Structures are given as structure tokens and as C-alpha cells.
């Protein structure tokens, strides 16, 4: 018995240390991705304000997420938020100067897109988010994509507007030579993601890629169904998905 107790006194701390180390490694490995959703660039001085929340308040008060300490800016002047598939700016000020989008004063809320100029007070700020695109723009792009009789669907690169057709019902996406859709970017893993058909429709799954896969701006941790006009992001490459 004395021998067993002596052994346990030696083994127990080691076992506890192993368990603690495993928990710490697991915590860091599985911690949520902290990512920048978008940014605002002050057109006057080039200062960048990162947007890291799905709803971001802007104003002169220090209680805001983005503080603009200028006389023409209201205490709580505007809110930029992600609403389903769209980014929206809302005028929450009591000032007559309000909020302008591309030089036009908004009444209430307005859908915003990548590189729109949002003027708050008299501060023009460029909104930067590759995944911000209105439904009307998506429909316009779709109308320009030629129909392909042998494709099940299509991905359109939002930068180049180049269509990539899904010619199989299970498509591997990545940088590797064996990928069905090869994306030559260092931010894309060799086997990055799959797009495949299920009994409920099309789905996307991340293949434990280094930089992750996003659906409509949100990282996915498990397979998700995708629908017409969804935005898919692989590394730093953004595509619009269109069903046939």
C-alpha cells in the first residue's frame, strides 16, 4: 500500500500536467477566429478604422465603437451593420447634415457596397469589404454570365467577374493540382473546401484550411447549405455562387 501511494504521488502531478497541457493546446487550436469584417478609410487623412463586429456604432461619443471627435459629427451619428446578405448603414443622428452615401443623403437606412463613400458629418469614409455587394449588383453580374448547358452551377470571381462553372456534383476547391477548381493564391490551401450536392441542395464544407472558408462573410465550422447569390470566400478570394 505504501508503495502504491508513493507511486501515485509521483504519477498524479504528471498526469495533471499532461491534462492541463492538452487543454491549453486544444484551447489555442480551437479558439474562435478573430477577423476583420470590413474597414473605413478616412478620405481626408487616410486613417483606417477596422470593423470587427456585425453592428458598429459611429459618433463623437466615446461610447461608440468608432469615435470621430469632430464638431460636425453627432454623439451617436450612424450604425453600420450586416443584415443577412447585405451591409447597411443607418442614420441615427438628430442632425440635419445626416449621413451621405456616394454624395446622396440617406433617409433612414441604405444598403452599402464595397468602396462606397459614406460621409458622416463632413467626414468622407470609404467602406472596404470585398463581400459587400447588393442584390441588384449580383443580378446584374448574373445576367452577364453566359449559360453553360453542362454546368450544375457557377462561381463568379467578384474582382475579375470571371465565371468558373461547376461541372460536377462534388467539386474540390484549392491550390493543389488535383483541385477541380484551382485558385492560385497563397491564402488558399491545397485542399481548401468542397462544394457538393445533397438531397436538400448545394452545400459547402471547409477542409480544415489554413485561412478558413466564409459563407456570406462568416467563417463556417461545419457543412452549410448554400443558395443562389451567396458569397463564398476562400482565403482572400471571394466568389458569388449562382445555381443553374
Protein backbone atom coordinates (compact mmCIF):
# COMPACT_ATOMS: atom_id res chain seq x y z
CA UNK A 1 0.00 0.00 0.00
CA UNK A 2 2.83 2.40 0.91
CA UNK A 3 4.45 1.62 -2.44
CA UNK A 4 1.21 2.37 -4.34
CA UNK A 5 0.74 5.67 -2.50
CA UNK A 6 4.33 6.66 -3.31
CA UNK A 7 3.79 5.87 -6.98
CA UNK A 8 0.51 7.82 -7.07
CA UNK A 9 2.19 10.85 -5.50
CA UNK A 10 4.65 10.81 -8.38
CA UNK A 11 2.22 9.92 -11.18
CA UNK A 12 -0.68 12.20 -10.21
CA UNK A 13 1.16 15.54 -10.75
CA UNK A 14 2.50 14.31 -14.10
CA UNK A 15 -1.00 13.23 -15.20
CA UNK A 16 -2.42 16.58 -14.09
CA UNK A 17 0.29 18.41 -16.06
CA UNK A 18 -0.45 16.36 -19.19
CA UNK A 19 -4.20 17.05 -18.90
CA UNK A 20 -3.58 20.78 -18.37
CA UNK A 21 -1.22 20.94 -21.35
CA UNK A 22 -3.75 19.13 -23.55
CA UNK A 23 -6.48 21.56 -22.53
CA UNK A 24 -4.30 24.60 -23.26
CA UNK A 25 -3.27 23.27 -26.68
CA UNK A 26 -6.90 22.48 -27.51
CA UNK A 27 -7.97 25.96 -26.39
CA UNK A 28 -5.50 27.69 -28.71
CA UNK A 29 -6.12 25.31 -31.59
CA UNK A 30 -9.90 25.69 -31.46
CA UNK A 31 -10.16 29.34 -30.43
CA UNK A 32 -12.62 31.40 -32.49
CA UNK A 33 -11.20 33.20 -35.48
CA UNK A 34 -10.82 36.91 -34.80
CA UNK A 35 -11.14 38.56 -38.16
CA UNK A 36 -11.67 41.97 -39.62
CA UNK A 37 -15.02 42.12 -41.34
CA UNK A 38 -14.52 45.44 -43.08
CA UNK A 39 -12.86 48.81 -42.66
CA UNK A 40 -13.49 52.51 -43.10
CA UNK A 41 -10.75 54.66 -44.61
CA UNK A 42 -10.90 58.38 -43.85
CA UNK A 43 -10.58 60.09 -47.24
CA UNK A 44 -9.13 63.21 -45.61
CA UNK A 45 -6.15 61.73 -43.79
CA UNK A 46 -6.08 58.02 -44.72
CA UNK A 47 -6.74 56.84 -41.15
CA UNK A 48 -8.18 53.32 -41.06
CA UNK A 49 -10.93 52.20 -38.68
CA UNK A 50 -11.40 48.44 -38.53
CA UNK A 51 -14.89 46.94 -38.34
CA UNK A 52 -14.79 43.76 -36.25
CA UNK A 53 -18.43 43.50 -35.14
CA UNK A 54 -21.62 42.71 -37.01
CA UNK A 55 -23.00 46.01 -35.73
CA UNK A 56 -20.74 49.04 -35.35
CA UNK A 57 -21.77 52.40 -33.92
CA UNK A 58 -20.07 55.59 -35.10
CA UNK A 59 -20.14 59.02 -33.48
CA UNK A 60 -18.44 61.62 -31.32
CA UNK A 61 -19.20 59.92 -28.02
CA UNK A 62 -16.52 57.62 -26.61
CA UNK A 63 -19.25 55.02 -26.11
CA UNK A 64 -19.20 54.31 -29.86
CA UNK A 65 -17.20 51.53 -31.48
CA UNK A 66 -15.64 54.08 -33.87
CA UNK A 67 -15.12 57.54 -32.41
CA UNK A 68 -14.99 60.59 -34.69
CA UNK A 69 -14.24 63.59 -32.42
CA UNK A 70 -15.36 66.31 -34.81
CA UNK A 71 -17.84 69.16 -34.34
CA UNK A 72 -19.97 68.13 -37.34
CA UNK A 73 -20.40 64.58 -36.04
CA UNK A 74 -23.26 63.73 -33.71
CA UNK A 75 -22.79 61.87 -30.43
CA UNK A 76 -24.37 58.75 -31.92
CA UNK A 77 -24.35 59.50 -35.61
CA UNK A 78 -24.59 56.23 -37.55
CA UNK A 79 -24.57 52.44 -37.35
CA UNK A 80 -23.07 50.06 -39.91
CA UNK A 81 -24.42 46.52 -39.63
CA UNK A 82 -24.55 43.24 -41.50
CA UNK A 83 -28.18 42.33 -42.24
CA UNK A 84 -28.42 38.83 -43.69
CA UNK A 85 -26.58 39.12 -47.01
CA UNK A 86 -26.30 42.92 -47.09
CA UNK A 87 -24.28 45.57 -45.28
CA UNK A 88 -26.45 48.51 -44.20
CA UNK A 89 -25.70 51.99 -42.88
CA UNK A 90 -28.34 53.68 -40.72
CA UNK A 91 -28.54 57.36 -39.85
CA UNK A 92 -29.05 57.59 -36.07
CA UNK A 93 -28.20 61.28 -35.72
CA UNK A 94 -30.52 64.15 -34.91
CA UNK A 95 -28.55 66.49 -37.16
CA UNK A 96 -29.83 67.80 -40.46
CA UNK A 97 -26.49 67.02 -42.10
CA UNK A 98 -27.19 63.30 -41.56
CA UNK A 99 -25.38 60.56 -43.48
CA UNK A 100 -24.49 60.57 -47.18
CA UNK A 101 -23.70 57.56 -49.38
CA UNK A 102 -21.78 58.49 -52.52
CA UNK A 103 -22.86 62.09 -52.07
CA UNK A 104 -26.57 61.34 -51.64
CA UNK A 105 -28.25 61.90 -48.30
CA UNK A 106 -29.98 58.79 -46.99
CA UNK A 107 -33.35 58.65 -45.30
CA UNK A 108 -33.12 56.04 -42.57
CA UNK A 109 -31.04 53.12 -43.87
CA UNK A 110 -29.24 52.26 -47.08
CA UNK A 111 -27.54 49.12 -48.39
CA UNK A 112 -23.84 49.79 -48.95
CA UNK A 113 -21.30 48.09 -51.18
CA UNK A 114 -17.54 47.74 -51.37
CA UNK A 115 -15.79 51.12 -51.94
CA UNK A 116 -18.90 53.21 -51.29
CA UNK A 117 -18.12 56.62 -49.77
CA UNK A 118 -20.02 57.16 -46.52
CA UNK A 119 -19.98 60.75 -45.30
CA UNK A 120 -20.62 61.15 -41.59
CA UNK A 121 -20.89 64.78 -40.60
CA UNK A 122 -18.43 66.17 -43.11
CA UNK A 123 -16.02 63.21 -42.84
CA UNK A 124 -15.92 61.12 -46.05
CA UNK A 125 -15.02 57.50 -45.34
CA UNK A 126 -14.53 54.74 -47.89
CA UNK A 127 -16.17 51.46 -46.91
CA UNK A 128 -13.92 48.50 -47.80
CA UNK A 129 -15.38 45.00 -47.77
CA UNK A 130 -14.99 42.63 -50.73
CA UNK A 131 -18.04 40.66 -49.60
CA UNK A 132 -20.34 43.71 -49.57
CA UNK A 133 -22.46 43.59 -52.70
CA UNK A 134 -26.12 44.45 -53.21
CA UNK A 135 -28.66 42.05 -54.70
CA UNK A 136 -29.10 44.33 -57.72
CA UNK A 137 -25.37 44.14 -58.49
CA UNK A 138 -25.42 40.37 -58.09
CA UNK A 139 -28.32 40.07 -60.52
CA UNK A 140 -26.52 42.35 -62.97
CA UNK A 141 -23.44 40.11 -62.84
CA UNK A 142 -25.56 37.01 -63.32
CA UNK A 143 -27.16 38.45 -66.45
CA UNK A 144 -23.69 38.89 -67.93
CA UNK A 145 -22.64 35.29 -67.23
CA UNK A 146 -23.11 33.09 -70.26
CA UNK A 147 -25.23 29.98 -69.78
CA UNK A 148 -23.41 26.68 -69.89
CA UNK A 149 -25.52 23.62 -70.65
CA UNK A 150 -23.11 21.20 -69.00
CA UNK A 151 -22.72 23.07 -65.70
CA UNK A 152 -24.64 22.48 -62.47
CA UNK A 153 -23.82 25.95 -61.18
CA UNK A 154 -21.26 28.72 -61.42
CA UNK A 155 -18.90 30.71 -59.21
CA UNK A 156 -18.08 34.25 -60.30
CA UNK A 157 -14.90 35.95 -59.07
CA UNK A 158 -16.05 39.35 -57.79
CA UNK A 159 -12.76 41.03 -58.78
CA UNK A 160 -12.35 39.74 -62.32
CA UNK A 161 -16.03 38.85 -62.97
CA UNK A 162 -14.68 35.60 -64.44
CA UNK A 163 -17.14 32.69 -64.20
CA UNK A 164 -15.99 29.25 -63.07
CA UNK A 165 -18.51 26.53 -63.88
CA UNK A 166 -19.35 23.62 -61.57
CA UNK A 167 -19.29 20.68 -63.94
CA UNK A 168 -19.52 18.01 -61.24
CA UNK A 169 -21.83 17.44 -58.31
CA UNK A 170 -18.88 17.22 -55.93
CA UNK A 171 -16.20 19.83 -56.54
CA UNK A 172 -12.85 20.17 -54.78
CA UNK A 173 -11.57 23.73 -54.44
CA UNK A 174 -7.96 24.57 -53.62
CA UNK A 175 -4.49 25.47 -54.80
CA UNK A 176 -3.43 21.88 -55.48
CA UNK A 177 -3.05 20.41 -58.95
CA UNK A 178 -5.80 17.87 -58.23
CA UNK A 179 -8.39 20.54 -57.40
CA UNK A 180 -11.41 20.71 -59.70
CA UNK A 181 -11.37 24.49 -59.28
CA UNK A 182 -7.80 25.65 -58.82
CA UNK A 183 -7.27 29.00 -57.12
CA UNK A 184 -3.67 30.17 -57.34
CA UNK A 185 -3.36 32.19 -54.15
CA UNK A 186 -1.05 31.66 -51.18
CA UNK A 187 -4.04 32.27 -48.88
CA UNK A 188 -5.80 29.22 -50.33
CA UNK A 189 -4.88 25.73 -49.08
CA UNK A 190 -4.13 22.83 -51.44
CA UNK A 191 -7.42 21.20 -50.45
CA UNK A 192 -9.41 24.16 -49.17
CA UNK A 193 -13.13 23.36 -49.49
CA UNK A 194 -15.79 21.24 -51.17
CA UNK A 195 -18.99 22.27 -52.88
CA UNK A 196 -21.34 19.35 -53.37
CA UNK A 197 -24.97 18.49 -53.92
CA UNK A 198 -27.09 16.92 -51.20
CA UNK A 199 -30.72 15.82 -51.10
CA UNK A 200 -31.51 19.30 -49.73
CA UNK A 201 -29.49 21.23 -52.29
CA UNK A 202 -25.94 22.53 -52.63
CA UNK A 203 -23.63 22.58 -49.61
CA UNK A 204 -20.16 23.85 -48.78
CA UNK A 205 -17.64 22.36 -46.36
CA UNK A 206 -14.26 23.67 -45.24
CA UNK A 207 -11.49 21.06 -45.41
CA UNK A 208 -9.59 22.29 -42.34
CA UNK A 209 -8.00 25.00 -44.47
CA UNK A 210 -5.37 27.30 -43.01
CA UNK A 211 -7.24 30.58 -43.61
CA UNK A 212 -10.77 29.27 -43.43
CA UNK A 213 -13.88 29.41 -45.61
CA UNK A 214 -16.59 32.03 -45.21
CA UNK A 215 -20.24 32.00 -46.21
CA UNK A 216 -21.72 35.48 -46.56
CA UNK A 217 -18.86 36.87 -44.50
CA UNK A 218 -18.99 34.34 -41.66
CA UNK A 219 -16.48 31.56 -41.09
CA UNK A 220 -18.00 28.09 -41.22
CA UNK A 221 -17.05 25.27 -38.86
CA UNK A 222 -19.30 22.62 -40.35
CA UNK A 223 -21.01 21.96 -43.71
CA UNK A 224 -23.61 24.56 -44.65
CA UNK A 225 -26.29 24.69 -47.32
CA UNK A 226 -25.71 27.40 -49.92
CA UNK A 227 -28.19 29.21 -52.11
CA UNK A 228 -28.37 31.44 -55.15
CA UNK A 229 -26.34 34.67 -54.77
CA UNK A 230 -24.49 33.52 -51.64
CA UNK A 231 -20.98 34.93 -51.18
CA UNK A 232 -18.22 32.33 -50.70
CA UNK A 233 -14.74 33.29 -49.53
CA UNK A 234 -11.70 31.01 -49.78
CA UNK A 235 -8.69 32.66 -48.16
CA UNK A 236 -8.76 36.15 -49.70
CA UNK A 237 -10.70 35.16 -52.82
CA UNK A 238 -14.41 35.99 -52.93
CA UNK A 239 -16.97 34.46 -55.28
CA UNK A 240 -20.71 34.69 -55.87
CA UNK A 241 -22.49 31.36 -56.16
CA UNK A 242 -25.26 31.01 -58.74
CA UNK A 243 -27.37 27.94 -59.13
CA UNK A 244 -28.08 26.74 -62.66
